[in-house]
């Protein structure tokens, strides 16, 4: 029988990003045979109530530790508070939240990542033009921070105007529809930043349908295999790379240290990289995407 059971609760398991994080968590578990790691998630990122139910179930099962990517801080933090009251240590992964009782946040500096995307677009446009943002669910800290970082970079270029910021809930099909509507409303649009690759790929399809591939700068966030291939093919211009495998691996390792009574860092930054056509092959070779 395993000495400890760690539950990793993500926002979904319906995309390459979350599946890669899952593989990282499972890789760490293989290094520690005394620990059982289970990875659980709702069907879709917008199903916050399902995530809450999963967390409540794990608390009832007296799991040894929780690693959580909160789908919605307002709904999820009260449940995490109950976990802490029950003596269950809680770590956050991928998405941070303003909750002082978390033991650590393991993930990307999302504000910095958004700034990298904004700085790239400023350079690509020569400091002038209309830009749109397609973002994830409103109120989710990761997407809020990416948008904020992006806006900080754009604010330094007074010739660039952000004409619209619209949610597409991290869903590819919805992002395609949102992008179609933006192109209709703003035919002189010159660039788009999508706060994850699922939405960037949906936007890419809408741009291609208008025969505008390459004419509108498109930047995503995550660096999934499909998105990096699109960058190499010239269908997208850049992606801000996260390292979900490292998130999963390092989160489980941190939880194991907590269970051993060892100290851990309050924030574990898994890094960001701007991937363009020039360094896409190098990024893949170095194992940026397992």
Protein backbone atom coordinates (compact mmCIF):
# COMPACT_ATOMS: atom_id res chain seq x y z
CA UNK A 1 0.00 0.00 0.00
CA UNK A 2 1.25 3.48 -0.90
CA UNK A 3 2.24 5.74 2.00
CA UNK A 4 0.74 8.87 0.43
CA UNK A 5 -1.89 9.78 -2.17
CA UNK A 6 -1.53 13.10 -4.00
CA UNK A 7 -4.41 14.41 -6.13
CA UNK A 8 -3.57 16.74 -9.01
CA UNK A 9 -6.74 18.57 -10.06
CA UNK A 10 -6.39 20.51 -13.31
CA UNK A 11 -8.94 22.65 -15.19
CA UNK A 12 -9.43 20.03 -17.93
CA UNK A 13 -7.68 17.18 -19.74
CA UNK A 14 -8.95 18.10 -23.20
CA UNK A 15 -5.81 19.70 -24.64
CA UNK A 16 -2.15 18.93 -25.18
CA UNK A 17 -1.17 21.42 -22.47
CA UNK A 18 -3.04 19.65 -19.67
CA UNK A 19 -2.07 16.18 -20.90
CA UNK A 20 1.59 17.26 -20.87
CA UNK A 21 1.22 18.55 -17.30
CA UNK A 22 -0.33 15.18 -16.40
CA UNK A 23 2.66 13.35 -17.90
CA UNK A 24 5.02 15.49 -15.82
CA UNK A 25 3.12 14.66 -12.63
CA UNK A 26 3.15 10.96 -13.48
CA UNK A 27 6.88 11.08 -14.28
CA UNK A 28 7.57 12.45 -10.79
CA UNK A 29 5.38 9.74 -9.27
CA UNK A 30 7.44 7.02 -10.97
CA UNK A 31 10.51 8.34 -9.14
CA UNK A 32 8.72 7.90 -5.80
CA UNK A 33 7.07 4.46 -5.61
CA UNK A 34 5.82 5.18 -2.08
CA UNK A 35 3.48 7.84 -3.51
CA UNK A 36 0.30 7.39 -5.56
CA UNK A 37 -0.53 10.33 -7.84
CA UNK A 38 -3.97 10.69 -9.43
CA UNK A 39 -4.76 13.38 -12.01
CA UNK A 40 -8.39 14.50 -12.16
CA UNK A 41 -10.25 17.23 -14.06
CA UNK A 42 -13.66 18.46 -15.20
CA UNK A 43 -14.69 17.91 -18.81
CA UNK A 44 -14.07 21.53 -19.83
CA UNK A 45 -12.33 24.54 -18.32
CA UNK A 46 -15.62 26.40 -17.90
CA UNK A 47 -17.08 23.59 -15.73
CA UNK A 48 -15.95 25.14 -12.45
CA UNK A 49 -18.71 23.37 -10.51
CA UNK A 50 -17.28 20.01 -11.61
CA UNK A 51 -13.84 21.00 -10.34
CA UNK A 52 -15.36 22.02 -7.00
CA UNK A 53 -17.11 18.62 -6.76
CA UNK A 54 -13.85 16.78 -7.54
CA UNK A 55 -12.04 18.72 -4.81
CA UNK A 56 -14.80 18.07 -2.26
CA UNK A 57 -14.63 14.35 -3.06
CA UNK A 58 -10.84 14.29 -2.56
CA UNK A 59 -11.20 16.05 0.80
CA UNK A 60 -13.74 13.41 1.90
CA UNK A 61 -11.28 10.70 0.80
CA UNK A 62 -8.62 12.33 3.03
CA UNK A 63 -6.07 12.69 0.25
CA UNK A 64 -2.52 13.37 1.54
CA UNK A 65 -2.01 16.54 -0.55
CA UNK A 66 -3.79 18.56 -3.23
CA UNK A 67 -2.18 20.19 -6.27
CA UNK A 68 -4.75 22.42 -7.94
CA UNK A 69 -5.03 24.59 -11.05
CA UNK A 70 -8.03 26.67 -9.91
CA UNK A 71 -10.58 27.15 -12.69
CA UNK A 72 -12.18 30.03 -10.79
CA UNK A 73 -10.67 31.50 -7.64
CA UNK A 74 -13.95 32.76 -6.16
CA UNK A 75 -15.55 29.32 -6.35
CA UNK A 76 -12.51 27.14 -5.65
CA UNK A 77 -10.72 28.94 -2.80
CA UNK A 78 -13.49 28.26 -0.21
CA UNK A 79 -13.10 24.53 -0.94
CA UNK A 80 -9.32 24.77 -0.66
CA UNK A 81 -9.85 26.56 2.66
CA UNK A 82 -11.79 23.51 3.88
CA UNK A 83 -8.96 21.25 2.73
CA UNK A 84 -6.46 23.25 4.79
CA UNK A 85 -8.83 23.15 7.80
CA UNK A 86 -8.81 19.35 7.42
CA UNK A 87 -5.01 19.33 7.53
CA UNK A 88 -4.50 18.73 3.80
CA UNK A 89 -1.61 20.72 2.28
CA UNK A 90 -2.57 22.61 -0.90
CA UNK A 91 -0.25 23.73 -3.71
CA UNK A 92 -1.36 25.69 -6.78
CA UNK A 93 -0.10 24.84 -10.27
CA UNK A 94 -0.38 26.76 -13.58
CA UNK A 95 -2.79 29.38 -12.18
CA UNK A 96 -1.97 31.39 -9.09
CA UNK A 97 -4.58 32.89 -6.76
CA UNK A 98 -4.47 35.52 -4.00
CA UNK A 99 -4.79 32.96 -1.22
CA UNK A 100 -2.25 33.19 1.63
CA UNK A 101 -2.70 29.58 2.77
CA UNK A 102 -1.31 28.03 -0.41
CA UNK A 103 2.04 26.41 0.31
CA UNK A 104 3.45 27.21 -3.13
CA UNK A 105 2.60 28.31 -6.67
CA UNK A 106 4.33 26.27 -9.36
CA UNK A 107 4.08 27.71 -12.85
CA UNK A 108 4.74 30.50 -15.28
CA UNK A 109 5.18 34.17 -14.53
CA UNK A 110 2.13 34.92 -16.67
CA UNK A 111 2.51 38.69 -16.53
CA UNK A 112 6.03 38.40 -17.93
CA UNK A 113 4.77 36.02 -20.63
CA UNK A 114 2.11 38.52 -21.68
CA UNK A 115 4.76 41.23 -21.80
CA UNK A 116 6.92 39.07 -24.11
CA UNK A 117 3.95 38.70 -26.48
CA UNK A 118 3.27 42.43 -26.43
CA UNK A 119 6.90 43.36 -27.05
CA UNK A 120 7.03 40.98 -30.01
CA UNK A 121 3.91 42.54 -31.57
CA UNK A 122 5.25 46.07 -31.02
CA UNK A 123 8.45 45.11 -32.88
CA UNK A 124 6.61 43.25 -35.65
CA UNK A 125 4.29 46.20 -36.32
CA UNK A 126 6.99 48.84 -36.06
CA UNK A 127 5.03 50.45 -33.24
CA UNK A 128 1.87 51.22 -35.24
CA UNK A 129 -1.44 49.44 -35.91
CA UNK A 130 -4.65 47.99 -34.50
CA UNK A 131 -4.47 44.94 -32.26
CA UNK A 132 -7.05 42.54 -30.77
CA UNK A 133 -6.81 40.23 -27.76
CA UNK A 134 -8.67 36.91 -27.46
CA UNK A 135 -8.51 35.77 -23.87
CA UNK A 136 -9.50 32.94 -21.54
CA UNK A 137 -12.27 32.93 -18.95
CA UNK A 138 -12.80 36.26 -17.21
CA UNK A 139 -11.48 36.32 -13.66
CA UNK A 140 -8.98 33.47 -14.09
CA UNK A 141 -5.68 34.80 -12.76
CA UNK A 142 -3.45 33.29 -15.46
CA UNK A 143 -5.37 35.02 -18.25
CA UNK A 144 -5.79 38.26 -16.29
CA UNK A 145 -2.02 38.40 -15.80
CA UNK A 146 -1.25 37.63 -19.45
CA UNK A 147 -3.57 40.40 -20.61
CA UNK A 148 -2.12 42.83 -18.05
CA UNK A 149 1.47 42.09 -19.10
CA UNK A 150 0.52 42.45 -22.76
CA UNK A 151 -1.12 45.81 -22.11
CA UNK A 152 1.97 47.02 -20.24
CA UNK A 153 4.10 46.34 -23.32
CA UNK A 154 1.59 47.87 -25.73
CA UNK A 155 1.27 51.01 -23.57
CA UNK A 156 4.89 51.84 -24.41
CA UNK A 157 3.94 52.13 -28.11
CA UNK A 158 1.41 54.98 -28.45
CA UNK A 159 0.96 54.19 -32.15
CA UNK A 160 -0.64 50.83 -31.32
CA UNK A 161 -4.34 50.67 -30.43
CA UNK A 162 -5.97 47.67 -28.72
CA UNK A 163 -9.38 47.77 -30.40
CA UNK A 164 -11.02 44.88 -28.52
CA UNK A 165 -10.40 42.28 -25.80
CA UNK A 166 -12.85 39.38 -26.05
CA UNK A 167 -13.15 36.10 -24.12
CA UNK A 168 -13.24 32.74 -25.88
CA UNK A 169 -12.98 30.59 -22.72
CA UNK A 170 -9.84 28.75 -23.92
CA UNK A 171 -11.94 26.97 -26.57
CA UNK A 172 -10.79 26.64 -30.16
CA UNK A 173 -14.19 26.66 -31.87
CA UNK A 174 -15.39 29.66 -29.88
CA UNK A 175 -12.15 31.53 -30.65
CA UNK A 176 -12.68 30.93 -34.36
CA UNK A 177 -16.14 32.53 -34.14
CA UNK A 178 -14.83 35.42 -32.03
CA UNK A 179 -12.02 36.02 -34.54
CA UNK A 180 -14.47 35.99 -37.47
CA UNK A 181 -16.52 38.69 -35.73
CA UNK A 182 -13.44 40.77 -34.93
CA UNK A 183 -12.29 40.64 -38.57
CA UNK A 184 -15.73 41.81 -39.69
CA UNK A 185 -15.74 44.70 -37.20
CA UNK A 186 -12.09 45.66 -37.72
CA UNK A 187 -11.02 44.90 -41.32
CA UNK A 188 -7.83 46.94 -40.80
CA UNK A 189 -6.68 44.77 -37.88
CA UNK A 190 -2.95 44.07 -37.95
CA UNK A 191 -2.27 41.74 -35.01
CA UNK A 192 -3.89 39.34 -32.53
CA UNK A 193 -2.71 38.02 -29.17
CA UNK A 194 -4.51 34.90 -27.89
CA UNK A 195 -3.86 34.01 -24.26
CA UNK A 196 -3.55 30.30 -25.01
CA UNK A 197 -2.80 28.16 -28.06
CA UNK A 198 -6.24 26.57 -28.32
CA UNK A 199 -7.66 30.04 -28.96
CA UNK A 200 -4.73 31.04 -31.17
CA UNK A 201 -5.36 27.99 -33.39
CA UNK A 202 -9.05 28.88 -33.65
CA UNK A 203 -8.11 32.44 -34.60
CA UNK A 204 -5.65 31.05 -37.15
CA UNK A 205 -8.45 29.13 -38.87
CA UNK A 206 -10.63 32.26 -39.09
CA UNK A 207 -7.71 34.27 -40.48
CA UNK A 208 -6.99 31.56 -43.06
CA UNK A 209 -10.65 31.51 -44.13
CA UNK A 210 -10.30 35.20 -45.07
CA UNK A 211 -7.05 34.54 -46.98
CA UNK A 212 -5.18 36.71 -44.47
CA UNK A 213 -2.58 34.16 -43.32
CA UNK A 214 0.73 35.95 -42.76
CA UNK A 215 -0.86 39.37 -43.16
CA UNK A 216 -2.13 39.53 -39.56
CA UNK A 217 0.45 38.98 -36.83
CA UNK A 218 -0.77 36.11 -34.61
CA UNK A 219 0.81 35.27 -31.26
CA UNK A 220 -0.31 32.46 -28.95
CA UNK A 221 0.61 31.22 -25.48
CA UNK A 222 1.64 27.68 -24.39
CA UNK A 223 3.71 26.32 -27.33
CA UNK A 224 1.78 23.12 -27.95
CA UNK A 225 3.12 20.93 -30.76
CA UNK A 226 0.39 22.05 -33.16
CA UNK A 227 1.04 25.72 -32.44
CA UNK A 228 4.81 25.39 -32.89
CA UNK A 229 4.21 23.60 -36.20
CA UNK A 230 1.97 26.51 -37.21
CA UNK A 231 4.76 28.95 -36.34
CA UNK A 232 7.22 26.94 -38.45
CA UNK A 233 4.73 26.96 -41.35
CA UNK A 234 4.20 30.73 -41.15
CA UNK A 235 0.54 30.38 -40.11
CA UNK A 236 1.33 31.89 -36.71
CA UNK A 237 4.17 34.26 -35.91
CA UNK A 238 5.14 33.40 -32.33
CA UNK A 239 4.06 31.61 -29.17
CA UNK A 240 5.04 32.24 -25.58
CA UNK A 241 6.18 28.83 -24.38
CA UNK A 242 5.18 27.47 -21.02
CA UNK A 243 6.64 24.25 -19.66
CA UNK A 244 3.67 22.17 -18.47
CA UNK A 245 5.72 18.98 -18.09
CA UNK A 246 7.96 20.81 -15.61
CA UNK A 247 4.90 22.24 -13.85
CA UNK A 248 3.48 18.78 -13.24
CA UNK A 249 6.81 17.23 -12.29
CA UNK A 250 7.96 19.99 -9.96
CA UNK A 251 4.54 20.35 -8.31
CA UNK A 252 4.49 16.68 -7.34
CA UNK A 253 8.09 16.86 -6.12
CA UNK A 254 7.22 19.91 -4.00
CA UNK A 255 4.18 18.14 -2.52
CA UNK A 256 6.35 15.14 -1.62
CA UNK A 257 8.81 17.44 0.16
CA UNK A 258 5.92 18.96 2.13
CA UNK A 259 4.74 15.49 3.17
CA UNK A 260 8.27 14.75 4.39
CA UNK A 261 8.24 17.91 6.49
CA UNK A 262 10.80 19.66 4.27
CA UNK A 263 10.60 23.38 3.35
CA UNK A 264 9.62 24.49 -0.16
CA UNK A 265 9.74 27.80 -2.02
CA UNK A 266 6.60 29.94 -1.97
CA UNK A 267 6.88 30.35 -5.76
CA UNK A 268 8.53 27.96 -8.22
CA UNK A 269 8.91 29.63 -11.64
CA UNK A 270 8.96 27.08 -14.47
CA UNK A 271 10.02 29.70 -17.04
CA UNK A 272 8.86 31.23 -20.32
CA UNK A 273 10.41 31.32 -23.79
CA UNK A 274 9.35 33.26 -26.89
CA UNK A 275 9.22 30.77 -29.77
CA UNK A 276 9.42 32.16 -33.32
CA UNK A 277 10.19 30.62 -36.70
CA UNK A 278 13.89 31.23 -36.01
CA UNK A 279 14.10 29.11 -32.85
CA UNK A 280 11.17 26.68 -33.20
CA UNK A 281 13.37 23.73 -34.21
CA UNK A 282 15.79 24.43 -31.37
CA UNK A 283 12.91 24.66 -28.90
CA UNK A 284 11.61 21.26 -29.99
CA UNK A 285 15.08 19.68 -29.97
CA UNK A 286 15.73 20.84 -26.43
CA UNK A 287 12.59 19.12 -25.25
CA UNK A 288 10.43 22.18 -24.76
CA UNK A 289 7.49 19.94 -25.61
CA UNK A 290 7.83 16.32 -24.45
